[in-house]
């Protein structure tokens, strides 16, 4: 039986997408390219719903949930799954030191709600 997940996009992931789109507009001054970027990322996020566990798993967890990522062009879409929900937590450039970004997210969550990311031993 195929599981249909509900998709949730975090504020951080939405901010990531908006920031990249603004960067494309500033750098290339080409709105169509920026719009195409947003469409491509949103389509990739929708496709995660089909076979989410077919994506690559990081060594990190959040609240006991594995953090997965889906590469799309030069970007990585990070997400977790819990029962019937897929939560998109970040969208980052593949050249970014994404491990540090995930750790910083952990520090932020740990200080606000005592949630921890940890790596598998």
N, C-alpha and C. Protein backbone atom coordinates (compact mmCIF):
# COMPACT_ATOMS: atom_id res chain seq x y z
N UNK A 1 0.84 -1.19 0.00
CA UNK A 1 0.00 0.00 0.00
C UNK A 1 0.88 1.25 0.00
N UNK A 2 0.60 2.16 -0.91
CA UNK A 2 1.36 3.40 -0.99
C UNK A 2 0.85 4.38 0.06
N UNK A 3 1.78 5.02 0.73
CA UNK A 3 1.43 6.03 1.72
C UNK A 3 1.45 7.39 1.04
N UNK A 4 0.41 8.15 1.23
CA UNK A 4 0.35 9.52 0.72
C UNK A 4 0.65 10.44 1.89
N UNK A 5 1.69 11.23 1.75
CA UNK A 5 2.13 12.12 2.82
C UNK A 5 1.57 13.53 2.61
N UNK A 6 1.36 14.22 3.71
CA UNK A 6 1.07 15.65 3.67
C UNK A 6 2.42 16.36 3.70
N UNK A 7 2.56 17.36 2.86
CA UNK A 7 3.81 18.13 2.81
C UNK A 7 3.68 19.41 3.62
N UNK A 8 4.69 19.67 4.45
CA UNK A 8 4.76 20.89 5.23
C UNK A 8 6.12 21.52 4.93
N UNK A 9 6.13 22.82 4.68
CA UNK A 9 7.39 23.51 4.40
C UNK A 9 7.67 24.48 5.54
N UNK A 10 8.83 24.35 6.15
CA UNK A 10 9.19 25.21 7.29
C UNK A 10 9.43 26.65 6.83
N UNK A 11 9.37 27.57 7.77
CA UNK A 11 9.67 28.97 7.47
C UNK A 11 11.09 29.11 6.94
N UNK A 12 12.03 28.35 7.52
CA UNK A 12 13.42 28.40 7.07
C UNK A 12 13.54 27.98 5.61
N UNK A 13 12.84 26.92 5.22
CA UNK A 13 12.89 26.45 3.83
C UNK A 13 12.27 27.48 2.89
N UNK A 14 11.15 28.07 3.29
CA UNK A 14 10.54 29.13 2.48
C UNK A 14 11.47 30.32 2.33
N UNK A 15 12.14 30.68 3.44
CA UNK A 15 13.12 31.78 3.38
C UNK A 15 14.29 31.43 2.47
N UNK A 16 14.74 30.17 2.51
CA UNK A 16 15.83 29.74 1.63
C UNK A 16 15.44 29.94 0.17
N UNK A 17 14.24 29.47 -0.19
CA UNK A 17 13.77 29.58 -1.58
C UNK A 17 13.66 31.05 -1.99
N UNK A 18 13.10 31.88 -1.13
CA UNK A 18 12.97 33.32 -1.43
C UNK A 18 14.32 33.99 -1.58
N UNK A 19 15.27 33.62 -0.72
CA UNK A 19 16.61 34.21 -0.79
C UNK A 19 17.31 33.85 -2.09
N UNK A 20 17.21 32.60 -2.50
CA UNK A 20 17.84 32.20 -3.76
C UNK A 20 17.18 32.91 -4.93
N UNK A 21 15.87 33.05 -4.88
CA UNK A 21 15.16 33.73 -5.96
C UNK A 21 15.59 35.20 -6.03
N UNK A 22 15.69 35.87 -4.88
CA UNK A 22 16.15 37.26 -4.85
C UNK A 22 17.58 37.38 -5.39
N UNK A 23 18.44 36.43 -5.00
CA UNK A 23 19.82 36.43 -5.49
C UNK A 23 19.85 36.33 -7.02
N UNK A 24 19.06 35.42 -7.57
CA UNK A 24 19.01 35.25 -9.03
C UNK A 24 18.55 36.55 -9.69
N UNK A 25 17.54 37.20 -9.12
CA UNK A 25 17.05 38.47 -9.68
C UNK A 25 18.13 39.55 -9.63
N UNK A 26 18.85 39.65 -8.50
CA UNK A 26 19.90 40.67 -8.37
C UNK A 26 21.08 40.37 -9.30
N UNK A 27 21.51 39.13 -9.31
CA UNK A 27 22.72 38.74 -10.06
C UNK A 27 22.49 38.76 -11.56
N UNK A 28 21.38 38.17 -12.01
CA UNK A 28 21.15 38.00 -13.44
C UNK A 28 20.11 38.96 -14.01
N UNK A 29 19.34 39.61 -13.11
CA UNK A 29 18.32 40.57 -13.52
C UNK A 29 17.38 39.98 -14.58
N UNK A 30 16.99 38.75 -14.32
CA UNK A 30 16.17 38.02 -15.27
C UNK A 30 15.05 37.32 -14.51
N UNK A 31 13.88 37.93 -14.49
CA UNK A 31 12.76 37.42 -13.69
C UNK A 31 12.35 36.02 -14.10
N UNK A 32 12.34 35.72 -15.38
CA UNK A 32 11.92 34.39 -15.83
C UNK A 32 12.82 33.29 -15.24
N UNK A 33 14.11 33.56 -15.18
CA UNK A 33 15.04 32.59 -14.59
C UNK A 33 14.72 32.38 -13.10
N UNK A 34 14.45 33.46 -12.39
CA UNK A 34 14.12 33.37 -10.97
C UNK A 34 12.79 32.62 -10.77
N UNK A 35 11.81 32.92 -11.60
CA UNK A 35 10.53 32.23 -11.50
C UNK A 35 10.68 30.74 -11.81
N UNK A 36 11.48 30.43 -12.83
CA UNK A 36 11.73 29.03 -13.18
C UNK A 36 12.40 28.28 -12.04
N UNK A 37 13.31 28.96 -11.33
CA UNK A 37 13.95 28.35 -10.16
C UNK A 37 12.89 27.96 -9.13
N UNK A 38 11.99 28.88 -8.80
CA UNK A 38 10.95 28.61 -7.80
C UNK A 38 10.06 27.45 -8.24
N UNK A 39 9.68 27.45 -9.51
CA UNK A 39 8.82 26.39 -10.02
C UNK A 39 9.53 25.04 -9.93
N UNK A 40 10.80 25.00 -10.32
CA UNK A 40 11.56 23.76 -10.31
C UNK A 40 11.71 23.20 -8.89
N UNK A 41 11.98 24.07 -7.93
CA UNK A 41 12.12 23.63 -6.53
C UNK A 41 10.78 23.12 -6.01
N UNK A 42 9.71 23.84 -6.28
CA UNK A 42 8.38 23.43 -5.81
C UNK A 42 7.96 22.10 -6.43
N UNK A 43 8.27 21.89 -7.71
CA UNK A 43 7.97 20.61 -8.36
C UNK A 43 8.78 19.48 -7.72
N UNK A 44 10.04 19.74 -7.41
CA UNK A 44 10.88 18.72 -6.77
C UNK A 44 10.34 18.38 -5.39
N UNK A 45 9.87 19.38 -4.66
CA UNK A 45 9.28 19.14 -3.34
C UNK A 45 8.04 18.26 -3.48
N UNK A 46 7.21 18.53 -4.46
CA UNK A 46 6.01 17.70 -4.68
C UNK A 46 6.39 16.26 -5.01
N UNK A 47 7.47 16.05 -5.75
CA UNK A 47 7.89 14.70 -6.15
C UNK A 47 8.45 13.90 -4.97
N UNK A 48 8.89 14.57 -3.93
CA UNK A 48 9.37 13.86 -2.74
C UNK A 48 8.28 12.96 -2.19
N UNK A 49 7.05 13.39 -2.35
CA UNK A 49 5.88 12.67 -1.84
C UNK A 49 5.71 11.28 -2.46
N UNK A 50 6.26 11.06 -3.64
CA UNK A 50 6.05 9.80 -4.36
C UNK A 50 6.82 8.65 -3.69
N UNK A 51 8.13 8.78 -3.55
CA UNK A 51 8.96 7.77 -2.90
C UNK A 51 9.97 8.47 -1.99
N UNK A 52 9.54 8.99 -0.87
CA UNK A 52 10.46 9.80 -0.05
C UNK A 52 11.69 9.03 0.44
N UNK A 53 11.53 7.75 0.76
CA UNK A 53 12.67 6.99 1.29
C UNK A 53 13.66 6.58 0.20
N UNK A 54 13.34 6.87 -1.06
CA UNK A 54 14.27 6.62 -2.15
C UNK A 54 15.36 7.70 -2.20
N UNK A 55 15.17 8.75 -1.42
CA UNK A 55 16.16 9.84 -1.37
C UNK A 55 17.28 9.49 -0.40
N UNK A 56 18.35 10.24 -0.51
CA UNK A 56 19.53 9.98 0.32
C UNK A 56 19.29 10.40 1.76
N UNK A 57 19.81 9.60 2.67
CA UNK A 57 19.67 9.87 4.10
C UNK A 57 20.99 10.44 4.62
N UNK A 58 20.91 11.49 5.42
CA UNK A 58 22.10 12.04 6.06
C UNK A 58 22.38 11.23 7.31
N UNK A 59 23.45 11.55 8.00
CA UNK A 59 23.73 10.89 9.27
C UNK A 59 23.07 11.61 10.44
N UNK A 60 22.28 12.64 10.14
CA UNK A 60 21.63 13.44 11.17
C UNK A 60 20.18 13.00 11.40
N UNK A 61 19.71 13.29 12.61
CA UNK A 61 18.32 13.04 12.99
C UNK A 61 17.79 14.26 13.73
N UNK A 62 16.48 14.41 13.70
CA UNK A 62 15.80 15.43 14.50
C UNK A 62 14.66 14.72 15.20
N UNK A 63 14.64 14.82 16.51
CA UNK A 63 13.63 14.15 17.33
C UNK A 63 13.48 12.69 16.94
N UNK A 64 14.60 12.03 16.67
CA UNK A 64 14.61 10.62 16.33
C UNK A 64 14.24 10.32 14.88
N UNK A 65 13.97 11.34 14.09
CA UNK A 65 13.59 11.16 12.68
C UNK A 65 14.82 11.37 11.80
N UNK A 66 15.03 10.48 10.85
CA UNK A 66 16.13 10.62 9.90
C UNK A 66 15.92 11.85 9.04
N UNK A 67 17.01 12.56 8.75
CA UNK A 67 16.97 13.69 7.84
C UNK A 67 17.44 13.19 6.48
N UNK A 68 16.59 13.37 5.48
CA UNK A 68 16.87 12.97 4.10
C UNK A 68 17.13 14.22 3.27
N UNK A 69 17.72 14.01 2.09
CA UNK A 69 17.84 15.12 1.16
C UNK A 69 17.64 14.67 -0.27
N UNK A 70 17.08 15.58 -1.05
CA UNK A 70 16.84 15.34 -2.48
C UNK A 70 17.65 16.38 -3.25
N UNK A 71 18.60 15.92 -4.08
CA UNK A 71 19.33 16.88 -4.92
C UNK A 71 18.46 17.31 -6.10
N UNK A 72 18.53 18.59 -6.41
CA UNK A 72 17.87 19.13 -7.60
C UNK A 72 18.80 20.20 -8.16
N UNK A 73 19.35 19.92 -9.33
CA UNK A 73 20.37 20.78 -9.94
C UNK A 73 21.49 20.99 -8.91
N UNK A 74 21.74 22.23 -8.52
CA UNK A 74 22.82 22.51 -7.57
C UNK A 74 22.28 22.82 -6.17
N UNK A 75 21.08 22.33 -5.88
CA UNK A 75 20.44 22.57 -4.59
C UNK A 75 20.12 21.24 -3.91
N UNK A 76 19.97 21.30 -2.59
CA UNK A 76 19.60 20.13 -1.80
C UNK A 76 18.36 20.49 -0.98
N UNK A 77 17.35 19.64 -1.07
CA UNK A 77 16.12 19.83 -0.30
C UNK A 77 16.16 18.86 0.87
N UNK A 78 16.20 19.36 2.09
CA UNK A 78 16.28 18.54 3.30
C UNK A 78 14.90 18.37 3.90
N UNK A 79 14.60 17.12 4.34
CA UNK A 79 13.28 16.86 4.90
C UNK A 79 13.33 15.70 5.89
N UNK A 80 12.28 15.63 6.71
CA UNK A 80 12.06 14.52 7.63
C UNK A 80 10.66 13.98 7.39
N UNK A 81 10.44 12.73 7.80
CA UNK A 81 9.12 12.10 7.67
C UNK A 81 8.66 11.62 9.04
N UNK A 82 7.41 11.87 9.33
CA UNK A 82 6.82 11.39 10.58
C UNK A 82 5.39 10.94 10.27
N UNK A 83 5.19 9.64 10.29
CA UNK A 83 3.88 9.03 9.99
C UNK A 83 3.40 9.46 8.62
N UNK A 84 2.46 10.40 8.55
CA UNK A 84 1.88 10.82 7.27
C UNK A 84 2.32 12.22 6.86
N UNK A 85 3.37 12.74 7.49
CA UNK A 85 3.81 14.12 7.21
C UNK A 85 5.26 14.12 6.76
N UNK A 86 5.52 14.83 5.68
CA UNK A 86 6.89 15.13 5.25
C UNK A 86 7.09 16.61 5.52
N UNK A 87 8.12 16.93 6.31
CA UNK A 87 8.43 18.32 6.63
C UNK A 87 9.71 18.72 5.91
N UNK A 88 9.60 19.70 5.03
CA UNK A 88 10.77 20.25 4.35
C UNK A 88 11.40 21.23 5.33
N UNK A 89 12.65 20.95 5.72
CA UNK A 89 13.26 21.79 6.76
C UNK A 89 14.22 22.84 6.21
N UNK A 90 14.89 22.58 5.10
CA UNK A 90 15.80 23.56 4.50
C UNK A 90 15.96 23.27 3.02
N UNK A 91 16.31 24.31 2.25
CA UNK A 91 16.72 24.18 0.86
C UNK A 91 18.04 24.94 0.75
N UNK A 92 19.12 24.21 0.43
CA UNK A 92 20.46 24.79 0.46
C UNK A 92 21.21 24.53 -0.84
N UNK A 93 22.18 25.38 -1.13
CA UNK A 93 23.07 25.15 -2.26
C UNK A 93 23.95 23.96 -1.92
N UNK A 94 24.26 23.14 -2.92
CA UNK A 94 25.08 21.96 -2.64
C UNK A 94 26.51 22.32 -2.28
N UNK A 95 26.97 23.51 -2.63
CA UNK A 95 28.32 23.93 -2.26
C UNK A 95 28.40 24.44 -0.83
N UNK A 96 27.27 24.73 -0.24
CA UNK A 96 27.26 25.22 1.14
C UNK A 96 27.69 24.11 2.08
N UNK A 97 28.27 24.48 3.19
CA UNK A 97 28.62 23.50 4.21
C UNK A 97 27.34 23.17 4.97
N UNK A 98 26.52 22.33 4.34
CA UNK A 98 25.18 22.07 4.87
C UNK A 98 25.21 21.40 6.22
N UNK A 99 26.25 20.63 6.52
CA UNK A 99 26.32 19.98 7.83
C UNK A 99 26.31 21.03 8.94
N UNK A 100 27.06 22.12 8.73
CA UNK A 100 27.11 23.18 9.73
C UNK A 100 25.76 23.89 9.83
N UNK A 101 25.09 24.06 8.70
CA UNK A 101 23.77 24.70 8.72
C UNK A 101 22.79 23.87 9.53
N UNK A 102 22.83 22.55 9.35
CA UNK A 102 21.96 21.65 10.12
C UNK A 102 22.31 21.73 11.60
N UNK A 103 23.60 21.77 11.92
CA UNK A 103 24.01 21.88 13.32
C UNK A 103 23.55 23.20 13.93
N UNK A 104 23.62 24.30 13.15
CA UNK A 104 23.14 25.59 13.65
C UNK A 104 21.64 25.56 13.89
N UNK A 105 20.92 24.87 13.02
CA UNK A 105 19.48 24.71 13.22
C UNK A 105 19.23 23.96 14.52
N UNK A 106 20.04 22.94 14.78
CA UNK A 106 19.95 22.18 16.02
C UNK A 106 20.16 23.10 17.22
N UNK A 107 21.19 23.94 17.15
CA UNK A 107 21.48 24.85 18.26
C UNK A 107 20.30 25.79 18.50
N UNK A 108 19.71 26.29 17.41
CA UNK A 108 18.57 27.19 17.53
C UNK A 108 17.38 26.47 18.17
N UNK A 109 17.08 25.27 17.68
CA UNK A 109 15.96 24.50 18.23
C UNK A 109 16.23 24.11 19.68
N UNK A 110 17.47 23.74 19.97
CA UNK A 110 17.83 23.32 21.32
C UNK A 110 17.64 24.47 22.31
N UNK A 111 17.96 25.68 21.88
CA UNK A 111 17.82 26.81 22.80
C UNK A 111 16.38 27.28 22.95
N UNK A 112 15.53 26.98 21.94
CA UNK A 112 14.14 27.46 22.02
C UNK A 112 13.16 26.41 22.50
N UNK A 113 13.39 25.14 22.13
CA UNK A 113 12.38 24.15 22.51
C UNK A 113 13.00 22.82 22.96
N UNK A 114 14.28 22.83 23.28
CA UNK A 114 14.97 21.65 23.80
C UNK A 114 14.91 20.45 22.86
N UNK A 115 14.87 20.71 21.53
CA UNK A 115 14.91 19.66 20.52
C UNK A 115 16.35 19.49 20.08
N UNK A 116 16.78 18.26 19.82
CA UNK A 116 18.17 18.04 19.43
C UNK A 116 18.27 17.25 18.13
N UNK A 117 19.22 17.68 17.30
CA UNK A 117 19.67 16.88 16.18
C UNK A 117 20.82 16.04 16.74
N UNK A 118 20.99 14.86 16.21
CA UNK A 118 22.19 14.11 16.58
C UNK A 118 22.55 13.20 15.41
N UNK A 119 23.79 12.78 15.41
CA UNK A 119 24.23 11.88 14.36
C UNK A 119 24.08 10.46 14.84
N UNK A 120 23.98 9.55 13.88
CA UNK A 120 23.91 8.13 14.23
C UNK A 120 25.29 7.70 14.71
N UNK A 121 25.33 6.84 15.69
CA UNK A 121 26.61 6.34 16.20
C UNK A 121 27.09 5.17 15.41
